[in-house]
Amino acid sequence: MSEEQVITGWRGVCVEMGLGQPYQRGVCAGLLSGIVLYGLGFPKISFTEDGSIKPPKFLQDHESAAREEEEGTNWHFILTPALIGLTVSLVT
């Protein structure tokens, strides 16, 4: 006689989907948030018109930041999915 396996709770669903470990859920959350942010056009703030990466403002000295205010960024696109993935890995 075979018994049917019953899935209970969100952890059971995650295990059934192949997301049984926290790092797997974190990678999945990071990828999904990156896809959503890319679809919303969020990466535009991190790159210049010619496609090069803008340097972070906190690494520039104050004189060059004042001269080239549009050349720096306070937040880079890749940080958001990385932090979301790390948070999901640590919390779940």
PDB file of N, CA and C in Angstrom:
ATOM      1  N   MET A   1       0.825  -1.169   0.000  1.00  0.00           N
ATOM      2  CA  MET A   1       0.000   0.000   0.000  1.00  0.00           C
ATOM      3  C   MET A   1       0.880   1.247   0.000  1.00  0.00           C
ATOM      4  N   SER A   2       0.529   2.145  -0.848  1.00  0.00           N
ATOM      5  CA  SER A   2       1.292   3.392  -0.894  1.00  0.00           C
ATOM      6  C   SER A   2       0.467   4.524  -0.295  1.00  0.00           C
ATOM      7  N   GLU A   3       1.141   5.348   0.440  1.00  0.00           N
ATOM      8  CA  GLU A   3       0.474   6.488   1.054  1.00  0.00           C
ATOM      9  C   GLU A   3       0.827   7.741   0.268  1.00  0.00           C
ATOM     10  N   GLU A   4      -0.133   8.619   0.140  1.00  0.00           N
ATOM     11  CA  GLU A   4       0.127   9.877  -0.541  1.00  0.00           C
ATOM     12  C   GLU A   4       0.897  10.804   0.385  1.00  0.00           C
ATOM     13  N   GLN A   5       1.851  11.485  -0.202  1.00  0.00           N
ATOM     14  CA  GLN A   5       2.644  12.435   0.567  1.00  0.00           C
ATOM     15  C   GLN A   5       1.868  13.747   0.638  1.00  0.00           C
ATOM     16  N   VAL A   6       1.724  14.273   1.852  1.00  0.00           N
ATOM     17  CA  VAL A   6       0.981  15.509   2.062  1.00  0.00           C
ATOM     18  C   VAL A   6       1.972  16.638   2.290  1.00  0.00           C
ATOM     19  N   ILE A   7       1.818  17.698   1.536  1.00  0.00           N
ATOM     20  CA  ILE A   7       2.681  18.870   1.678  1.00  0.00           C
ATOM     21  C   ILE A   7       1.980  19.853   2.595  1.00  0.00           C
ATOM     22  N   THR A   8       2.660  20.224   3.683  1.00  0.00           N
ATOM     23  CA  THR A   8       2.069  21.178   4.619  1.00  0.00           C
ATOM     24  C   THR A   8       2.993  22.367   4.796  1.00  0.00           C
ATOM     25  N   GLY A   9       2.426  23.545   4.775  1.00  0.00           N
ATOM     26  CA  GLY A   9       3.170  24.774   5.042  1.00  0.00           C
ATOM     27  C   GLY A   9       4.028  25.222   3.875  1.00  0.00           C
ATOM     28  N   TRP A  10       4.557  26.439   4.023  1.00  0.00           N
ATOM     29  CA  TRP A  10       5.381  27.005   2.955  1.00  0.00           C
ATOM     30  C   TRP A  10       6.720  26.295   2.834  1.00  0.00           C
ATOM     31  N   ARG A  11       7.230  25.763   3.928  1.00  0.00           N
ATOM     32  CA  ARG A  11       8.503  25.029   3.843  1.00  0.00           C
ATOM     33  C   ARG A  11       8.340  23.736   3.056  1.00  0.00           C
ATOM     34  N   GLY A  12       7.217  23.062   3.240  1.00  0.00           N
ATOM     35  CA  GLY A  12       6.944  21.859   2.463  1.00  0.00           C
ATOM     36  C   GLY A  12       6.829  22.156   0.981  1.00  0.00           C
ATOM     37  N   VAL A  13       6.208  23.286   0.661  1.00  0.00           N
ATOM     38  CA  VAL A  13       6.101  23.701  -0.741  1.00  0.00           C
ATOM     39  C   VAL A  13       7.484  24.011  -1.305  1.00  0.00           C
ATOM     40  N   CYS A  14       8.319  24.698  -0.524  1.00  0.00           N
ATOM     41  CA  CYS A  14       9.685  25.016  -0.974  1.00  0.00           C
ATOM     42  C   CYS A  14      10.497  23.749  -1.213  1.00  0.00           C
ATOM     43  N   VAL A  15      10.393  22.785  -0.333  1.00  0.00           N
ATOM     44  CA  VAL A  15      11.119  21.528  -0.497  1.00  0.00           C
ATOM     45  C   VAL A  15      10.640  20.811  -1.747  1.00  0.00           C
ATOM     46  N   GLU A  16       9.343  20.796  -1.966  1.00  0.00           N
ATOM     47  CA  GLU A  16       8.783  20.134  -3.148  1.00  0.00           C
ATOM     48  C   GLU A  16       9.245  20.810  -4.434  1.00  0.00           C
ATOM     49  N   MET A  17       9.455  22.135  -4.395  1.00  0.00           N
ATOM     50  CA  MET A  17       9.897  22.885  -5.577  1.00  0.00           C
ATOM     51  C   MET A  17      11.415  22.855  -5.752  1.00  0.00           C
ATOM     52  N   GLY A  18      12.131  22.229  -4.826  1.00  0.00           N
ATOM     53  CA  GLY A  18      13.581  22.176  -4.929  1.00  0.00           C
ATOM     54  C   GLY A  18      14.278  23.313  -4.214  1.00  0.00           C
ATOM     55  N   LEU A  19      13.563  24.015  -3.355  1.00  0.00           N
ATOM     56  CA  LEU A  19      14.130  25.139  -2.615  1.00  0.00           C
ATOM     57  C   LEU A  19      14.191  24.816  -1.128  1.00  0.00           C
ATOM     58  N   GLY A  20      14.715  23.655  -0.812  1.00  0.00           N
ATOM     59  CA  GLY A  20      14.730  23.188   0.563  1.00  0.00           C
ATOM     60  C   GLY A  20      15.772  23.844   1.447  1.00  0.00           C
ATOM     61  N   GLN A  21      16.817  24.371   0.878  1.00  0.00           N
ATOM     62  CA  GLN A  21      17.879  24.993   1.653  1.00  0.00           C
ATOM     63  C   GLN A  21      17.785  26.509   1.584  1.00  0.00           C
ATOM     64  N   PRO A  22      18.180  27.226   2.650  1.00  0.00           N
ATOM     65  CA  PRO A  22      18.089  28.686   2.644  1.00  0.00           C
ATOM     66  C   PRO A  22      18.884  29.348   1.513  1.00  0.00           C
ATOM     67  N   TYR A  23      20.065  28.827   1.195  1.00  0.00           N
ATOM     68  CA  TYR A  23      20.846  29.454   0.129  1.00  0.00           C
ATOM     69  C   TYR A  23      20.154  29.309  -1.220  1.00  0.00           C
ATOM     70  N   GLN A  24      19.409  28.209  -1.421  1.00  0.00           N
ATOM     71  CA  GLN A  24      18.668  28.033  -2.669  1.00  0.00           C
ATOM     72  C   GLN A  24      17.534  29.042  -2.775  1.00  0.00           C
ATOM     73  N   ARG A  25      16.852  29.294  -1.655  1.00  0.00           N
ATOM     74  CA  ARG A  25      15.791  30.298  -1.652  1.00  0.00           C
ATOM     75  C   ARG A  25      16.367  31.688  -1.861  1.00  0.00           C
ATOM     76  N   GLY A  26      17.550  31.956  -1.303  1.00  0.00           N
ATOM     77  CA  GLY A  26      18.185  33.259  -1.475  1.00  0.00           C
ATOM     78  C   GLY A  26      18.598  33.513  -2.914  1.00  0.00           C
ATOM     79  N   VAL A  27      19.160  32.509  -3.559  1.00  0.00           N
ATOM     80  CA  VAL A  27      19.551  32.653  -4.971  1.00  0.00           C
ATOM     81  C   VAL A  27      18.322  32.882  -5.828  1.00  0.00           C
ATOM     82  N   CYS A  28      17.271  32.141  -5.565  1.00  0.00           N
ATOM     83  CA  CYS A  28      16.031  32.286  -6.327  1.00  0.00           C
ATOM     84  C   CYS A  28      15.435  33.684  -6.124  1.00  0.00           C
ATOM     85  N   ALA A  29      15.397  34.168  -4.895  1.00  0.00           N
ATOM     86  CA  ALA A  29      14.854  35.502  -4.616  1.00  0.00           C
ATOM     87  C   ALA A  29      15.709  36.587  -5.261  1.00  0.00           C
ATOM     88  N   GLY A  30      17.041  36.432  -5.217  1.00  0.00           N
ATOM     89  CA  GLY A  30      17.918  37.403  -5.852  1.00  0.00           C
ATOM     90  C   GLY A  30      17.725  37.458  -7.358  1.00  0.00           C
ATOM     91  N   LEU A  31      17.610  36.292  -7.980  1.00  0.00           N
ATOM     92  CA  LEU A  31      17.384  36.250  -9.430  1.00  0.00           C
ATOM     93  C   LEU A  31      16.041  36.846  -9.814  1.00  0.00           C
ATOM     94  N   LEU A  32      14.999  36.485  -9.078  1.00  0.00           N
ATOM     95  CA  LEU A  32      13.671  37.019  -9.386  1.00  0.00           C
ATOM     96  C   LEU A  32      13.607  38.530  -9.192  1.00  0.00           C
ATOM     97  N   SER A  33      14.209  39.041  -8.119  1.00  0.00           N
ATOM     98  CA  SER A  33      14.188  40.490  -7.910  1.00  0.00           C
ATOM     99  C   SER A  33      15.023  41.202  -8.964  1.00  0.00           C
ATOM    100  N   GLY A  34      16.128  40.606  -9.399  1.00  0.00           N
ATOM    101  CA  GLY A  34      16.922  41.208 -10.472  1.00  0.00           C
ATOM    102  C   GLY A  34      16.168  41.275 -11.779  1.00  0.00           C
ATOM    103  N   ILE A  35      15.414  40.237 -12.080  1.00  0.00           N
ATOM    104  CA  ILE A  35      14.612  40.222 -13.310  1.00  0.00           C
ATOM    105  C   ILE A  35      13.529  41.297 -13.251  1.00  0.00           C
ATOM    106  N   VAL A  36      12.864  41.403 -12.105  1.00  0.00           N
ATOM    107  CA  VAL A  36      11.811  42.414 -11.953  1.00  0.00           C
ATOM    108  C   VAL A  36      12.392  43.820 -12.045  1.00  0.00           C
ATOM    109  N   LEU A  37      13.507  44.066 -11.361  1.00  0.00           N
ATOM    110  CA  LEU A  37      14.126  45.393 -11.405  1.00  0.00           C
ATOM    111  C   LEU A  37      14.621  45.738 -12.807  1.00  0.00           C
ATOM    112  N   TYR A  38      15.157  44.761 -13.508  1.00  0.00           N
ATOM    113  CA  TYR A  38      15.596  44.992 -14.884  1.00  0.00           C
ATOM    114  C   TYR A  38      14.403  45.341 -15.773  1.00  0.00           C
ATOM    115  N   GLY A  39      13.302  44.649 -15.572  1.00  0.00           N
ATOM    116  CA  GLY A  39      12.093  44.935 -16.342  1.00  0.00           C
ATOM    117  C   GLY A  39      11.541  46.321 -16.060  1.00  0.00           C
ATOM    118  N   LEU A  40      11.732  46.819 -14.835  1.00  0.00           N
ATOM    119  CA  LEU A  40      11.261  48.155 -14.472  1.00  0.00           C
ATOM    120  C   LEU A  40      12.224  49.258 -14.900  1.00  0.00           C
ATOM    121  N   GLY A  41      13.388  48.896 -15.430  1.00  0.00           N
ATOM    122  CA  GLY A  41      14.354  49.890 -15.900  1.00  0.00           C
ATOM    123  C   GLY A  41      15.260  50.447 -14.819  1.00  0.00           C
ATOM    124  N   PHE A  42      15.377  49.751 -13.707  1.00  0.00           N
ATOM    125  CA  PHE A  42      16.216  50.221 -12.599  1.00  0.00           C
ATOM    126  C   PHE A  42      17.704  50.325 -12.937  1.00  0.00           C
ATOM    127  N   PRO A  43      18.270  49.501 -13.825  1.00  0.00           N
ATOM    128  CA  PRO A  43      19.701  49.591 -14.097  1.00  0.00           C
ATOM    129  C   PRO A  43      20.144  50.902 -14.747  1.00  0.00           C
ATOM    130  N   LYS A  44      19.221  51.699 -15.257  1.00  0.00           N
ATOM    131  CA  LYS A  44      19.601  52.944 -15.932  1.00  0.00           C
ATOM    132  C   LYS A  44      20.354  53.897 -15.026  1.00  0.00           C
ATOM    133  N   ILE A  45      20.089  53.869 -13.721  1.00  0.00           N
ATOM    134  CA  ILE A  45      20.764  54.794 -12.818  1.00  0.00           C
ATOM    135  C   ILE A  45      22.227  54.420 -12.586  1.00  0.00           C
ATOM    136  N   SER A  46      22.614  53.199 -12.936  1.00  0.00           N
ATOM    137  CA  SER A  46      23.962  52.721 -12.654  1.00  0.00           C
ATOM    138  C   SER A  46      24.915  52.834 -13.837  1.00  0.00           C
ATOM    139  N   PHE A  47      24.411  53.225 -15.007  1.00  0.00           N
ATOM    140  CA  PHE A  47      25.243  53.258 -16.201  1.00  0.00           C
ATOM    141  C   PHE A  47      25.122  54.607 -16.904  1.00  0.00           C
ATOM    142  N   THR A  48      26.190  55.002 -17.603  1.00  0.00           N
ATOM    143  CA  THR A  48      26.175  56.230 -18.388  1.00  0.00           C
ATOM    144  C   THR A  48      25.546  55.957 -19.748  1.00  0.00           C
ATOM    145  N   GLU A  49      25.433  57.004 -20.551  1.00  0.00           N
ATOM    146  CA  GLU A  49      24.819  56.866 -21.871  1.00  0.00           C
ATOM    147  C   GLU A  49      25.619  55.939 -22.788  1.00  0.00           C
ATOM    148  N   ASP A  50      26.953  55.921 -22.636  1.00  0.00           N
ATOM    149  CA  ASP A  50      27.776  55.069 -23.497  1.00  0.00           C
ATOM    150  C   ASP A  50      27.899  53.633 -22.977  1.00  0.00           C
ATOM    151  N   GLY A  51      27.257  53.320 -21.846  1.00  0.00           N
ATOM    152  CA  GLY A  51      27.233  51.955 -21.338  1.00  0.00           C
ATOM    153  C   GLY A  51      28.257  51.632 -20.279  1.00  0.00           C
ATOM    154  N   SER A  52      29.092  52.593 -19.874  1.00  0.00           N
ATOM    155  CA  SER A  52      30.070  52.316 -18.820  1.00  0.00           C
ATOM    156  C   SER A  52      29.415  52.479 -17.447  1.00  0.00           C
ATOM    157  N   ILE A  53      29.978  51.803 -16.464  1.00  0.00           N
ATOM    158  CA  ILE A  53      29.423  51.818 -15.113  1.00  0.00           C
ATOM    159  C   ILE A  53      29.797  53.126 -14.430  1.00  0.00           C
ATOM    160  N   LYS A  54      28.804  53.765 -13.797  1.00  0.00           N
ATOM    161  CA  LYS A  54      29.063  54.981 -13.031  1.00  0.00           C
ATOM    162  C   LYS A  54      29.774  54.601 -11.736  1.00  0.00           C
ATOM    163  N   PRO A  55      30.785  55.372 -11.340  1.00  0.00           N
ATOM    164  CA  PRO A  55      31.460  55.072 -10.068  1.00  0.00           C
ATOM    165  C   PRO A  55      30.586  55.496  -8.884  1.00  0.00           C
ATOM    166  N   PRO A  56      30.739  54.834  -7.751  1.00  0.00           N
ATOM    167  CA  PRO A  56      29.974  55.248  -6.566  1.00  0.00           C
ATOM    168  C   PRO A  56      30.421  56.627  -6.086  1.00  0.00           C
ATOM    169  N   LYS A  57      29.476  57.440  -5.650  1.00  0.00           N
ATOM    170  CA  LYS A  57      29.799  58.795  -5.186  1.00  0.00           C
ATOM    171  C   LYS A  57      30.646  58.775  -3.923  1.00  0.00           C
ATOM    172  N   PHE A  58      30.446  57.786  -3.066  1.00  0.00           N
ATOM    173  CA  PHE A  58      31.188  57.770  -1.804  1.00  0.00           C
ATOM    174  C   PHE A  58      32.669  57.454  -1.995  1.00  0.00           C
ATOM    175  N   LEU A  59      33.072  56.962  -3.174  1.00  0.00           N
ATOM    176  CA  LEU A  59      34.481  56.711  -3.444  1.00  0.00           C
ATOM    177  C   LEU A  59      35.168  57.883  -4.139  1.00  0.00           C
ATOM    178  N   GLN A  60      34.411  58.887  -4.557  1.00  0.00           N
ATOM    179  CA  GLN A  60      34.981  60.054  -5.220  1.00  0.00           C
ATOM    180  C   GLN A  60      35.329  61.104  -4.181  1.00  0.00           C
ATOM    181  N   ASP A  61      36.374  61.894  -4.469  1.00  0.00           N
ATOM    182  CA  ASP A  61      36.663  63.013  -3.581  1.00  0.00           C
ATOM    183  C   ASP A  61      35.646  64.131  -3.850  1.00  0.00           C
ATOM    184  N   HIS A  62      35.544  65.065  -2.924  1.00  0.00           N
ATOM    185  CA  HIS A  62      34.476  66.061  -2.989  1.00  0.00           C
ATOM    186  C   HIS A  62      34.612  67.015  -4.176  1.00  0.00           C
ATOM    187  N   GLU A  63      35.846  67.369  -4.568  1.00  0.00           N
ATOM    188  CA  GLU A  63      36.012  68.297  -5.700  1.00  0.00           C
ATOM    189  C   GLU A  63      35.575  67.658  -7.009  1.00  0.00           C
ATOM    190  N   SER A  64      35.960  66.429  -7.256  1.00  0.00           N
ATOM    191  CA  SER A  64      35.571  65.789  -8.508  1.00  0.00           C
ATOM    192  C   SER A  64      34.074  65.468  -8.516  1.00  0.00           C
ATOM    193  N   ALA A  65      33.512  65.190  -7.349  1.00  0.00           N
ATOM    194  CA  ALA A  65      32.076  64.920  -7.279  1.00  0.00           C
ATOM    195  C   ALA A  65      31.276  66.187  -7.560  1.00  0.00           C
ATOM    196  N   ALA A  66      31.789  67.342  -7.136  1.00  0.00           N
ATOM    197  CA  ALA A  66      31.096  68.597  -7.394  1.00  0.00           C
ATOM    198  C   ALA A  66      31.175  68.959  -8.875  1.00  0.00           C
ATOM    199  N   ARG A  67      32.308  68.667  -9.521  1.00  0.00           N
ATOM    200  CA  ARG A  67      32.464  68.976 -10.945  1.00  0.00           C
ATOM    201  C   ARG A  67      31.656  68.027 -11.821  1.00  0.00           C
ATOM    202  N   GLU A  68      31.599  66.776 -11.445  1.00  0.00           N
ATOM    203  CA  GLU A  68      30.941  65.758 -12.260  1.00  0.00           C
ATOM    204  C   GLU A  68      29.820  65.094 -11.468  1.00  0.00           C
ATOM    205  N   GLU A  69      28.854  65.898 -11.063  1.00  0.00           N
ATOM    206  CA  GLU A  69      27.791  65.366 -10.207  1.00  0.00           C
ATOM    207  C   GLU A  69      26.982  64.266 -10.888  1.00  0.00           C
ATOM    208  N   GLU A  70      26.796  64.366 -12.179  1.00  0.00           N
ATOM    209  CA  GLU A  70      26.002  63.354 -12.878  1.00  0.00           C
ATOM    210  C   GLU A  70      26.771  62.063 -13.107  1.00  0.00           C
ATOM    211  N   GLU A  71      28.067  62.044 -12.833  1.00  0.00           N
ATOM    212  CA  GLU A  71      28.881  60.863 -13.109  1.00  0.00           C
ATOM    213  C   GLU A  71      28.888  59.838 -11.986  1.00  0.00           C
ATOM    214  N   GLY A  72      28.356  60.172 -10.839  1.00  0.00           N
ATOM    215  CA  GLY A  72      28.376  59.221  -9.730  1.00  0.00           C
ATOM    216  C   GLY A  72      26.978  58.731  -9.393  1.00  0.00           C
ATOM    217  N   THR A  73      26.922  57.632  -8.679  1.00  0.00           N
ATOM    218  CA  THR A  73      25.637  57.092  -8.246  1.00  0.00           C
ATOM    219  C   THR A  73      25.743  56.671  -6.780  1.00  0.00           C
ATOM    220  N   ASN A  74      24.655  56.817  -6.065  1.00  0.00           N
ATOM    221  CA  ASN A  74      24.637  56.417  -4.659  1.00  0.00           C
ATOM    222  C   ASN A  74      24.319  54.942  -4.473  1.00  0.00           C
ATOM    223  N   TRP A  75      23.719  54.313  -5.462  1.00  0.00           N
ATOM    224  CA  TRP A  75      23.285  52.924  -5.351  1.00  0.00           C
ATOM    225  C   TRP A  75      23.510  52.228  -6.678  1.00  0.00           C
ATOM    226  N   HIS A  76      24.040  51.031  -6.656  1.00  0.00           N
ATOM    227  CA  HIS A  76      24.256  50.293  -7.892  1.00  0.00           C
ATOM    228  C   HIS A  76      23.186  49.228  -8.049  1.00  0.00           C
ATOM    229  N   PHE A  77      22.837  48.938  -9.281  1.00  0.00           N
ATOM    230  CA  PHE A  77      21.758  48.001  -9.594  1.00  0.00           C
ATOM    231  C   PHE A  77      21.970  46.628  -8.969  1.00  0.00           C
ATOM    232  N   ILE A  78      23.171  46.117  -8.998  1.00  0.00           N
ATOM    233  CA  ILE A  78      23.418  44.740  -8.564  1.00  0.00           C
ATOM    234  C   ILE A  78      23.322  44.590  -7.042  1.00  0.00           C
ATOM    235  N   LEU A  79      23.409  45.695  -6.308  1.00  0.00           N
ATOM    236  CA  LEU A  79      23.331  45.612  -4.850  1.00  0.00           C
ATOM    237  C   LEU A  79      21.937  45.203  -4.374  1.00  0.00           C
ATOM    238  N   THR A  80      20.907  45.668  -5.040  1.00  0.00           N
ATOM    239  CA  THR A  80      19.545  45.375  -4.587  1.00  0.00           C
ATOM    240  C   THR A  80      19.231  43.878  -4.640  1.00  0.00           C
ATOM    241  N   PRO A  81      19.420  43.190  -5.784  1.00  0.00           N
ATOM    242  CA  PRO A  81      19.157  41.747  -5.776  1.00  0.00           C
ATOM    243  C   PRO A  81      20.090  40.968  -4.839  1.00  0.00           C
ATOM    244  N   ALA A  82      21.321  41.428  -4.715  1.00  0.00           N
ATOM    245  CA  ALA A  82      22.255  40.741  -3.815  1.00  0.00           C
ATOM    246  C   ALA A  82      21.804  40.861  -2.360  1.00  0.00           C
ATOM    247  N   LEU A  83      21.367  42.042  -1.962  1.00  0.00           N
ATOM    248  CA  LEU A  83      20.894  42.219  -0.588  1.00  0.00           C
ATOM    249  C   LEU A  83      19.575  41.487  -0.341  1.00  0.00           C
ATOM    250  N   ILE A  84      18.703  41.455  -1.333  1.00  0.00           N
ATOM    251  CA  ILE A  84      17.450  40.711  -1.182  1.00  0.00           C
ATOM    252  C   ILE A  84      17.745  39.218  -1.039  1.00  0.00           C
ATOM    253  N   GLY A  85      18.629  38.687  -1.862  1.00  0.00           N
ATOM    254  CA  GLY A  85      19.006  37.278  -1.775  1.00  0.00           C
ATOM    255  C   GLY A  85      19.655  36.932  -0.450  1.00  0.00           C
ATOM    256  N   LEU A  86      20.555  37.809   0.024  1.00  0.00           N
ATOM    257  CA  LEU A  86      21.208  37.578   1.310  1.00  0.00           C
ATOM    258  C   LEU A  86      20.193  37.602   2.454  1.00  0.00           C
ATOM    259  N   THR A  87      19.277  38.559   2.407  1.00  0.00           N
ATOM    260  CA  THR A  87      18.261  38.657   3.448  1.00  0.00           C
ATOM    261  C   THR A  87      17.357  37.426   3.472  1.00  0.00           C
ATOM    262  N   VAL A  88      16.932  36.974   2.305  1.00  0.00           N
ATOM    263  CA  VAL A  88      16.082  35.779   2.253  1.00  0.00           C
ATOM    264  C   VAL A  88      16.853  34.568   2.747  1.00  0.00           C
ATOM    265  N   SER A  89      18.132  34.469   2.427  1.00  0.00           N
ATOM    266  CA  SER A  89      18.929  33.335   2.910  1.00  0.00           C
ATOM    267  C   SER A  89      19.056  33.328   4.424  1.00  0.00           C
ATOM    268  N   LEU A  90      19.220  34.488   4.997  1.00  0.00           N
ATOM    269  CA  LEU A  90      19.425  34.570   6.438  1.00  0.00           C
ATOM    270  C   LEU A  90      18.121  34.459   7.236  1.00  0.00           C
ATOM    271  N   VAL A  91      17.028  34.925   6.665  1.00  0.00           N
ATOM    272  CA  VAL A  91      15.764  34.972   7.413  1.00  0.00           C
ATOM    273  C   VAL A  91      14.978  33.673   7.289  1.00  0.00           C
ATOM    274  N   THR A  92      15.048  33.011   6.145  1.00  0.00           N
ATOM    275  CA  THR A  92      14.211  31.808   5.973  1.00  0.00           C
ATOM    276  C   THR A  92      14.942  30.545   6.376  1.00  0.00           C
TER     277      THR A  92
END
